[in-house]
Every structure is written in C-alpha cells, then in structure tokens.
Amino acid sequence: MAQVLIVYPSGPSFDLDYYLKKHMPLVSELWTPHGLLSWDVLTFQADAPYQVQATLYWESLEAFEKAAGQEVTAKIFGDIPNYTTAQAVILKGKVVAKKSD
C-alpha cells in the first residue's frame, strides 16, 4: 500500500465545498480504475502552514506513478483552479507499518 499526500499552503483562498463535492468525486471516478483505494481530507487550524490535506490511499506506489501518467490526470490537475490558486505540495511513499484496531 502507498499514500500520496496533497497539501495546500495556507493563505490563498480555498473553496472547500467545491473540493469535497466536485473535485474529490472526480478524483475517485478517474483514479479508482487505476488503483486508488480510498481518500480522506483534513483541514487545519488557521495558523498552520497548510490549510487542507488530502490523503490518497493506493494499491502501490507503482499504481500511483502509472495513474499519474494517464490522460485522466490532466483532468484532475486541470480542475485545481476551480477551487484554489494555492500551489499544492505532493508527497508520496510506501506504507511500511500500520496498526488498525
């Protein structure tokens, strides 16, 4: 399993309603066939360096890399101006340990 974190710096406006109702369903629709398992979204306190984080859970890091090269990815990234002007930071890695109750 792998996680891809997409964090949006604080400062620029961010339309959370659009993000949750339009953008993230688009992400699900277009990337689930390529190995996206699930996602969650966090918001941070006003004085944090970041305002929003999406965590995308993938079958593997290789599945994400392959999906990122697909034509559908242009639609996903092309939608960003509809909810923010913030420059997203993308972090990715393999899950090396996990505990669930």
N, C-alpha and C. Protein backbone atom coordinates (compact mmCIF):
# COMPACT_ATOMS: atom_id res chain seq x y z
N MET A 1 0.85 -1.18 0.00
CA MET A 1 0.00 0.00 0.00
C MET A 1 0.89 1.23 0.00
N ALA A 2 0.37 2.31 -0.59
CA ALA A 2 1.09 3.58 -0.63
C ALA A 2 0.12 4.71 -0.31
N GLN A 3 0.68 5.81 0.15
CA GLN A 3 -0.10 7.01 0.41
C GLN A 3 0.50 8.16 -0.39
N VAL A 4 -0.40 8.98 -0.92
CA VAL A 4 0.01 10.22 -1.57
C VAL A 4 -0.68 11.34 -0.81
N LEU A 5 0.12 12.25 -0.27
CA LEU A 5 -0.41 13.39 0.48
C LEU A 5 -0.35 14.61 -0.42
N ILE A 6 -1.46 15.30 -0.51
CA ILE A 6 -1.52 16.54 -1.28
C ILE A 6 -1.90 17.63 -0.29
N VAL A 7 -0.96 18.53 -0.03
CA VAL A 7 -1.19 19.58 0.95
C VAL A 7 -1.20 20.94 0.26
N TYR A 8 -2.12 21.78 0.73
CA TYR A 8 -2.31 23.11 0.15
C TYR A 8 -1.90 24.15 1.18
N PRO A 9 -0.91 24.99 0.84
CA PRO A 9 -0.43 26.01 1.77
C PRO A 9 -1.53 26.98 2.21
N SER A 10 -1.41 27.46 3.42
CA SER A 10 -2.32 28.48 3.93
C SER A 10 -2.08 29.78 3.18
N GLY A 11 -3.12 30.61 3.14
CA GLY A 11 -3.01 31.92 2.50
C GLY A 11 -3.99 32.08 1.36
N PRO A 12 -3.74 31.39 0.23
CA PRO A 12 -4.68 31.53 -0.89
C PRO A 12 -6.07 31.03 -0.54
N SER A 13 -7.08 31.61 -1.19
CA SER A 13 -8.45 31.15 -0.93
C SER A 13 -8.59 29.68 -1.35
N PHE A 14 -9.52 29.00 -0.72
CA PHE A 14 -9.75 27.58 -0.97
C PHE A 14 -11.24 27.31 -0.81
N ASP A 15 -11.88 26.84 -1.87
CA ASP A 15 -13.32 26.55 -1.85
C ASP A 15 -13.50 25.09 -1.42
N LEU A 16 -13.61 24.88 -0.12
CA LEU A 16 -13.71 23.53 0.43
C LEU A 16 -14.98 22.82 -0.04
N ASP A 17 -16.06 23.55 -0.19
CA ASP A 17 -17.32 22.96 -0.65
C ASP A 17 -17.13 22.36 -2.05
N TYR A 18 -16.55 23.12 -2.96
CA TYR A 18 -16.29 22.62 -4.32
C TYR A 18 -15.35 21.42 -4.26
N TYR A 19 -14.31 21.54 -3.46
CA TYR A 19 -13.30 20.49 -3.34
C TYR A 19 -13.94 19.16 -2.93
N LEU A 20 -14.80 19.22 -1.91
CA LEU A 20 -15.41 18.00 -1.40
C LEU A 20 -16.54 17.47 -2.29
N LYS A 21 -17.30 18.35 -2.89
CA LYS A 21 -18.48 17.91 -3.66
C LYS A 21 -18.18 17.66 -5.14
N LYS A 22 -17.15 18.30 -5.67
CA LYS A 22 -16.86 18.15 -7.10
C LYS A 22 -15.49 17.52 -7.37
N HIS A 23 -14.44 18.11 -6.77
CA HIS A 23 -13.09 17.66 -7.11
C HIS A 23 -12.78 16.25 -6.62
N MET A 24 -13.02 15.99 -5.36
CA MET A 24 -12.68 14.67 -4.83
C MET A 24 -13.53 13.55 -5.47
N PRO A 25 -14.82 13.77 -5.76
CA PRO A 25 -15.54 12.74 -6.53
C PRO A 25 -14.93 12.52 -7.93
N LEU A 26 -14.42 13.59 -8.55
CA LEU A 26 -13.75 13.46 -9.84
C LEU A 26 -12.49 12.61 -9.69
N VAL A 27 -11.72 12.87 -8.64
CA VAL A 27 -10.52 12.08 -8.35
C VAL A 27 -10.90 10.61 -8.21
N SER A 28 -11.95 10.33 -7.44
CA SER A 28 -12.40 8.94 -7.25
C SER A 28 -12.80 8.30 -8.57
N GLU A 29 -13.60 9.01 -9.33
CA GLU A 29 -14.10 8.47 -10.60
C GLU A 29 -12.96 8.13 -11.56
N LEU A 30 -11.99 9.03 -11.66
CA LEU A 30 -10.95 8.86 -12.66
C LEU A 30 -9.79 8.00 -12.22
N TRP A 31 -9.48 7.98 -10.93
CA TRP A 31 -8.31 7.22 -10.48
C TRP A 31 -8.63 5.87 -9.85
N THR A 32 -9.86 5.63 -9.42
CA THR A 32 -10.17 4.32 -8.83
C THR A 32 -9.86 3.17 -9.80
N PRO A 33 -10.19 3.31 -11.09
CA PRO A 33 -9.84 2.22 -12.01
C PRO A 33 -8.33 1.99 -12.17
N HIS A 34 -7.53 2.94 -11.68
CA HIS A 34 -6.07 2.84 -11.80
C HIS A 34 -5.39 2.47 -10.48
N GLY A 35 -6.17 2.11 -9.46
CA GLY A 35 -5.55 1.64 -8.22
C GLY A 35 -5.78 2.49 -6.99
N LEU A 36 -6.53 3.58 -7.11
CA LEU A 36 -6.87 4.38 -5.92
C LEU A 36 -7.84 3.57 -5.07
N LEU A 37 -7.51 3.37 -3.80
CA LEU A 37 -8.35 2.59 -2.90
C LEU A 37 -9.35 3.46 -2.15
N SER A 38 -8.87 4.58 -1.61
CA SER A 38 -9.73 5.48 -0.83
C SER A 38 -8.98 6.78 -0.61
N TRP A 39 -9.66 7.71 0.03
CA TRP A 39 -9.05 9.00 0.34
C TRP A 39 -9.71 9.60 1.57
N ASP A 40 -9.02 10.54 2.18
CA ASP A 40 -9.62 11.36 3.23
C ASP A 40 -9.05 12.77 3.14
N VAL A 41 -9.78 13.70 3.72
CA VAL A 41 -9.40 15.11 3.66
C VAL A 41 -9.37 15.67 5.07
N LEU A 42 -8.30 16.40 5.38
CA LEU A 42 -8.16 17.07 6.67
C LEU A 42 -8.12 18.57 6.45
N THR A 43 -8.66 19.32 7.40
CA THR A 43 -8.46 20.77 7.42
C THR A 43 -7.68 21.09 8.69
N PHE A 44 -6.88 22.15 8.63
CA PHE A 44 -6.01 22.52 9.75
C PHE A 44 -6.42 23.85 10.34
N GLN A 45 -5.94 24.13 11.54
CA GLN A 45 -6.24 25.39 12.22
C GLN A 45 -5.67 26.55 11.42
N ALA A 46 -6.23 27.72 11.64
CA ALA A 46 -5.91 28.91 10.84
C ALA A 46 -4.43 29.29 10.84
N ASP A 47 -3.70 29.01 11.91
CA ASP A 47 -2.29 29.42 11.97
C ASP A 47 -1.32 28.34 11.49
N ALA A 48 -1.82 27.25 10.94
CA ALA A 48 -0.96 26.18 10.43
C ALA A 48 -0.37 26.57 9.08
N PRO A 49 0.76 26.00 8.71
CA PRO A 49 1.36 26.33 7.43
C PRO A 49 0.56 25.80 6.23
N TYR A 50 -0.30 24.84 6.48
CA TYR A 50 -1.15 24.28 5.43
C TYR A 50 -2.60 24.39 5.86
N GLN A 51 -3.49 24.52 4.89
CA GLN A 51 -4.91 24.66 5.21
C GLN A 51 -5.70 23.37 4.97
N VAL A 52 -5.31 22.58 3.98
CA VAL A 52 -6.03 21.36 3.63
C VAL A 52 -5.02 20.29 3.22
N GLN A 53 -5.33 19.05 3.58
CA GLN A 53 -4.53 17.91 3.14
C GLN A 53 -5.46 16.81 2.66
N ALA A 54 -5.18 16.27 1.50
CA ALA A 54 -5.87 15.08 1.02
C ALA A 54 -4.87 13.93 1.11
N THR A 55 -5.31 12.82 1.68
CA THR A 55 -4.50 11.61 1.71
C THR A 55 -5.17 10.61 0.78
N LEU A 56 -4.42 10.19 -0.23
CA LEU A 56 -4.92 9.22 -1.19
C LEU A 56 -4.24 7.88 -0.91
N TYR A 57 -5.03 6.84 -0.77
CA TYR A 57 -4.52 5.51 -0.48
C TYR A 57 -4.53 4.69 -1.77
N TRP A 58 -3.39 4.15 -2.11
CA TRP A 58 -3.20 3.43 -3.37
C TRP A 58 -2.80 1.98 -3.13
N GLU A 59 -3.07 1.13 -4.10
CA GLU A 59 -2.64 -0.27 -4.04
C GLU A 59 -1.13 -0.34 -3.86
N SER A 60 -0.42 0.53 -4.59
CA SER A 60 1.04 0.56 -4.53
C SER A 60 1.52 1.92 -5.05
N LEU A 61 2.76 2.23 -4.77
CA LEU A 61 3.36 3.45 -5.29
C LEU A 61 3.45 3.37 -6.82
N GLU A 62 3.70 2.17 -7.32
CA GLU A 62 3.78 1.98 -8.76
C GLU A 62 2.43 2.25 -9.43
N ALA A 63 1.33 1.88 -8.77
CA ALA A 63 -0.01 2.15 -9.31
C ALA A 63 -0.23 3.65 -9.41
N PHE A 64 0.19 4.40 -8.38
CA PHE A 64 0.05 5.86 -8.44
C PHE A 64 0.88 6.43 -9.58
N GLU A 65 2.13 6.01 -9.68
CA GLU A 65 3.02 6.53 -10.72
C GLU A 65 2.43 6.26 -12.11
N LYS A 66 1.88 5.09 -12.30
CA LYS A 66 1.27 4.75 -13.59
C LYS A 66 0.03 5.62 -13.83
N ALA A 67 -0.81 5.78 -12.82
CA ALA A 67 -2.02 6.61 -12.95
C ALA A 67 -1.65 8.06 -13.24
N ALA A 68 -0.59 8.54 -12.60
CA ALA A 68 -0.18 9.93 -12.78
C ALA A 68 0.22 10.21 -14.23
N GLY A 69 0.61 9.17 -14.95
CA GLY A 69 0.98 9.33 -16.35
C GLY A 69 -0.18 9.17 -17.32
N GLN A 70 -1.37 8.88 -16.81
CA GLN A 70 -2.53 8.67 -17.67
C GLN A 70 -3.17 10.01 -18.07
N GLU A 71 -3.89 9.99 -19.17
CA GLU A 71 -4.58 11.18 -19.68
C GLU A 71 -5.57 11.75 -18.67
N VAL A 72 -6.20 10.89 -17.86
CA VAL A 72 -7.20 11.36 -16.89
C VAL A 72 -6.59 12.31 -15.86
N THR A 73 -5.30 12.19 -15.62
CA THR A 73 -4.64 13.03 -14.63
C THR A 73 -4.68 14.50 -15.04
N ALA A 74 -4.63 14.77 -16.31
CA ALA A 74 -4.72 16.15 -16.79
C ALA A 74 -6.07 16.77 -16.40
N LYS A 75 -7.14 15.97 -16.42
CA LYS A 75 -8.46 16.47 -15.99
C LYS A 75 -8.45 16.80 -14.51
N ILE A 76 -7.82 15.94 -13.72
CA ILE A 76 -7.77 16.16 -12.27
C ILE A 76 -7.00 17.43 -11.94
N PHE A 77 -5.80 17.56 -12.50
CA PHE A 77 -4.99 18.74 -12.21
C PHE A 77 -5.57 19.99 -12.87
N GLY A 78 -6.25 19.83 -13.98
CA GLY A 78 -6.89 20.96 -14.65
C GLY A 78 -8.05 21.54 -13.87
N ASP A 79 -8.58 20.77 -12.92
CA ASP A 79 -9.69 21.22 -12.10
C ASP A 79 -9.25 22.09 -10.92
N ILE A 80 -7.99 22.08 -10.59
CA ILE A 80 -7.49 22.80 -9.41
C ILE A 80 -7.87 24.28 -9.41
N PRO A 81 -7.75 25.01 -10.52
CA PRO A 81 -8.12 26.44 -10.48
C PRO A 81 -9.59 26.69 -10.12
N ASN A 82 -10.42 25.67 -10.17
CA ASN A 82 -11.82 25.84 -9.79
C ASN A 82 -12.02 25.95 -8.28
N TYR A 83 -11.01 25.60 -7.48
CA TYR A 83 -11.18 25.70 -6.04
C TYR A 83 -10.05 26.43 -5.31
N THR A 84 -8.90 26.64 -5.96
CA THR A 84 -7.83 27.37 -5.27
C THR A 84 -6.77 27.85 -6.25
N THR A 85 -6.00 28.84 -5.79
CA THR A 85 -4.81 29.27 -6.51
C THR A 85 -3.56 28.79 -5.78
N ALA A 86 -3.76 28.09 -4.67
CA ALA A 86 -2.63 27.57 -3.90
C ALA A 86 -1.84 26.57 -4.73
N GLN A 87 -0.54 26.57 -4.56
CA GLN A 87 0.34 25.61 -5.23
C GLN A 87 0.44 24.37 -4.34
N ALA A 88 -0.16 23.27 -4.78
CA ALA A 88 -0.18 22.04 -3.98
C ALA A 88 1.22 21.45 -3.87
N VAL A 89 1.49 20.85 -2.71
CA VAL A 89 2.71 20.09 -2.47
C VAL A 89 2.31 18.63 -2.44
N ILE A 90 2.99 17.79 -3.20
CA ILE A 90 2.65 16.37 -3.28
C ILE A 90 3.78 15.57 -2.66
N LEU A 91 3.43 14.75 -1.67
CA LEU A 91 4.36 13.84 -1.00
C LEU A 91 3.83 12.43 -1.20
N LYS A 92 4.72 11.49 -1.46
CA LYS A 92 4.26 10.12 -1.69
C LYS A 92 5.24 9.14 -1.08
N GLY A 93 4.71 8.00 -0.67
CA GLY A 93 5.57 6.98 -0.10
C GLY A 93 4.84 5.67 0.14
N LYS A 94 5.63 4.65 0.34
CA LYS A 94 5.09 3.33 0.65
C LYS A 94 4.75 3.27 2.13
N VAL A 95 3.65 2.63 2.45
CA VAL A 95 3.29 2.40 3.85
C VAL A 95 4.15 1.25 4.34
N VAL A 96 4.96 1.50 5.36
CA VAL A 96 5.86 0.47 5.87
C VAL A 96 5.39 -0.14 7.18
N ALA A 97 4.40 0.50 7.82
CA ALA A 97 3.82 -0.04 9.05
C ALA A 97 2.44 0.57 9.23
N LYS A 98 1.55 -0.23 9.81
CA LYS A 98 0.20 0.26 10.06
C LYS A 98 -0.42 -0.61 11.14
N LYS A 99 -1.21 0.02 11.99
CA LYS A 99 -1.94 -0.71 13.02
C LYS A 99 -3.39 -0.28 12.96
N SER A 100 -4.27 -1.22 12.94
CA SER A 100 -5.69 -0.95 12.99
C SER A 100 -6.30 -1.73 14.14
N ASP A 101 -7.26 -1.13 14.81
CA ASP A 101 -7.93 -1.84 15.90
C ASP A 101 -9.18 -2.52 15.39
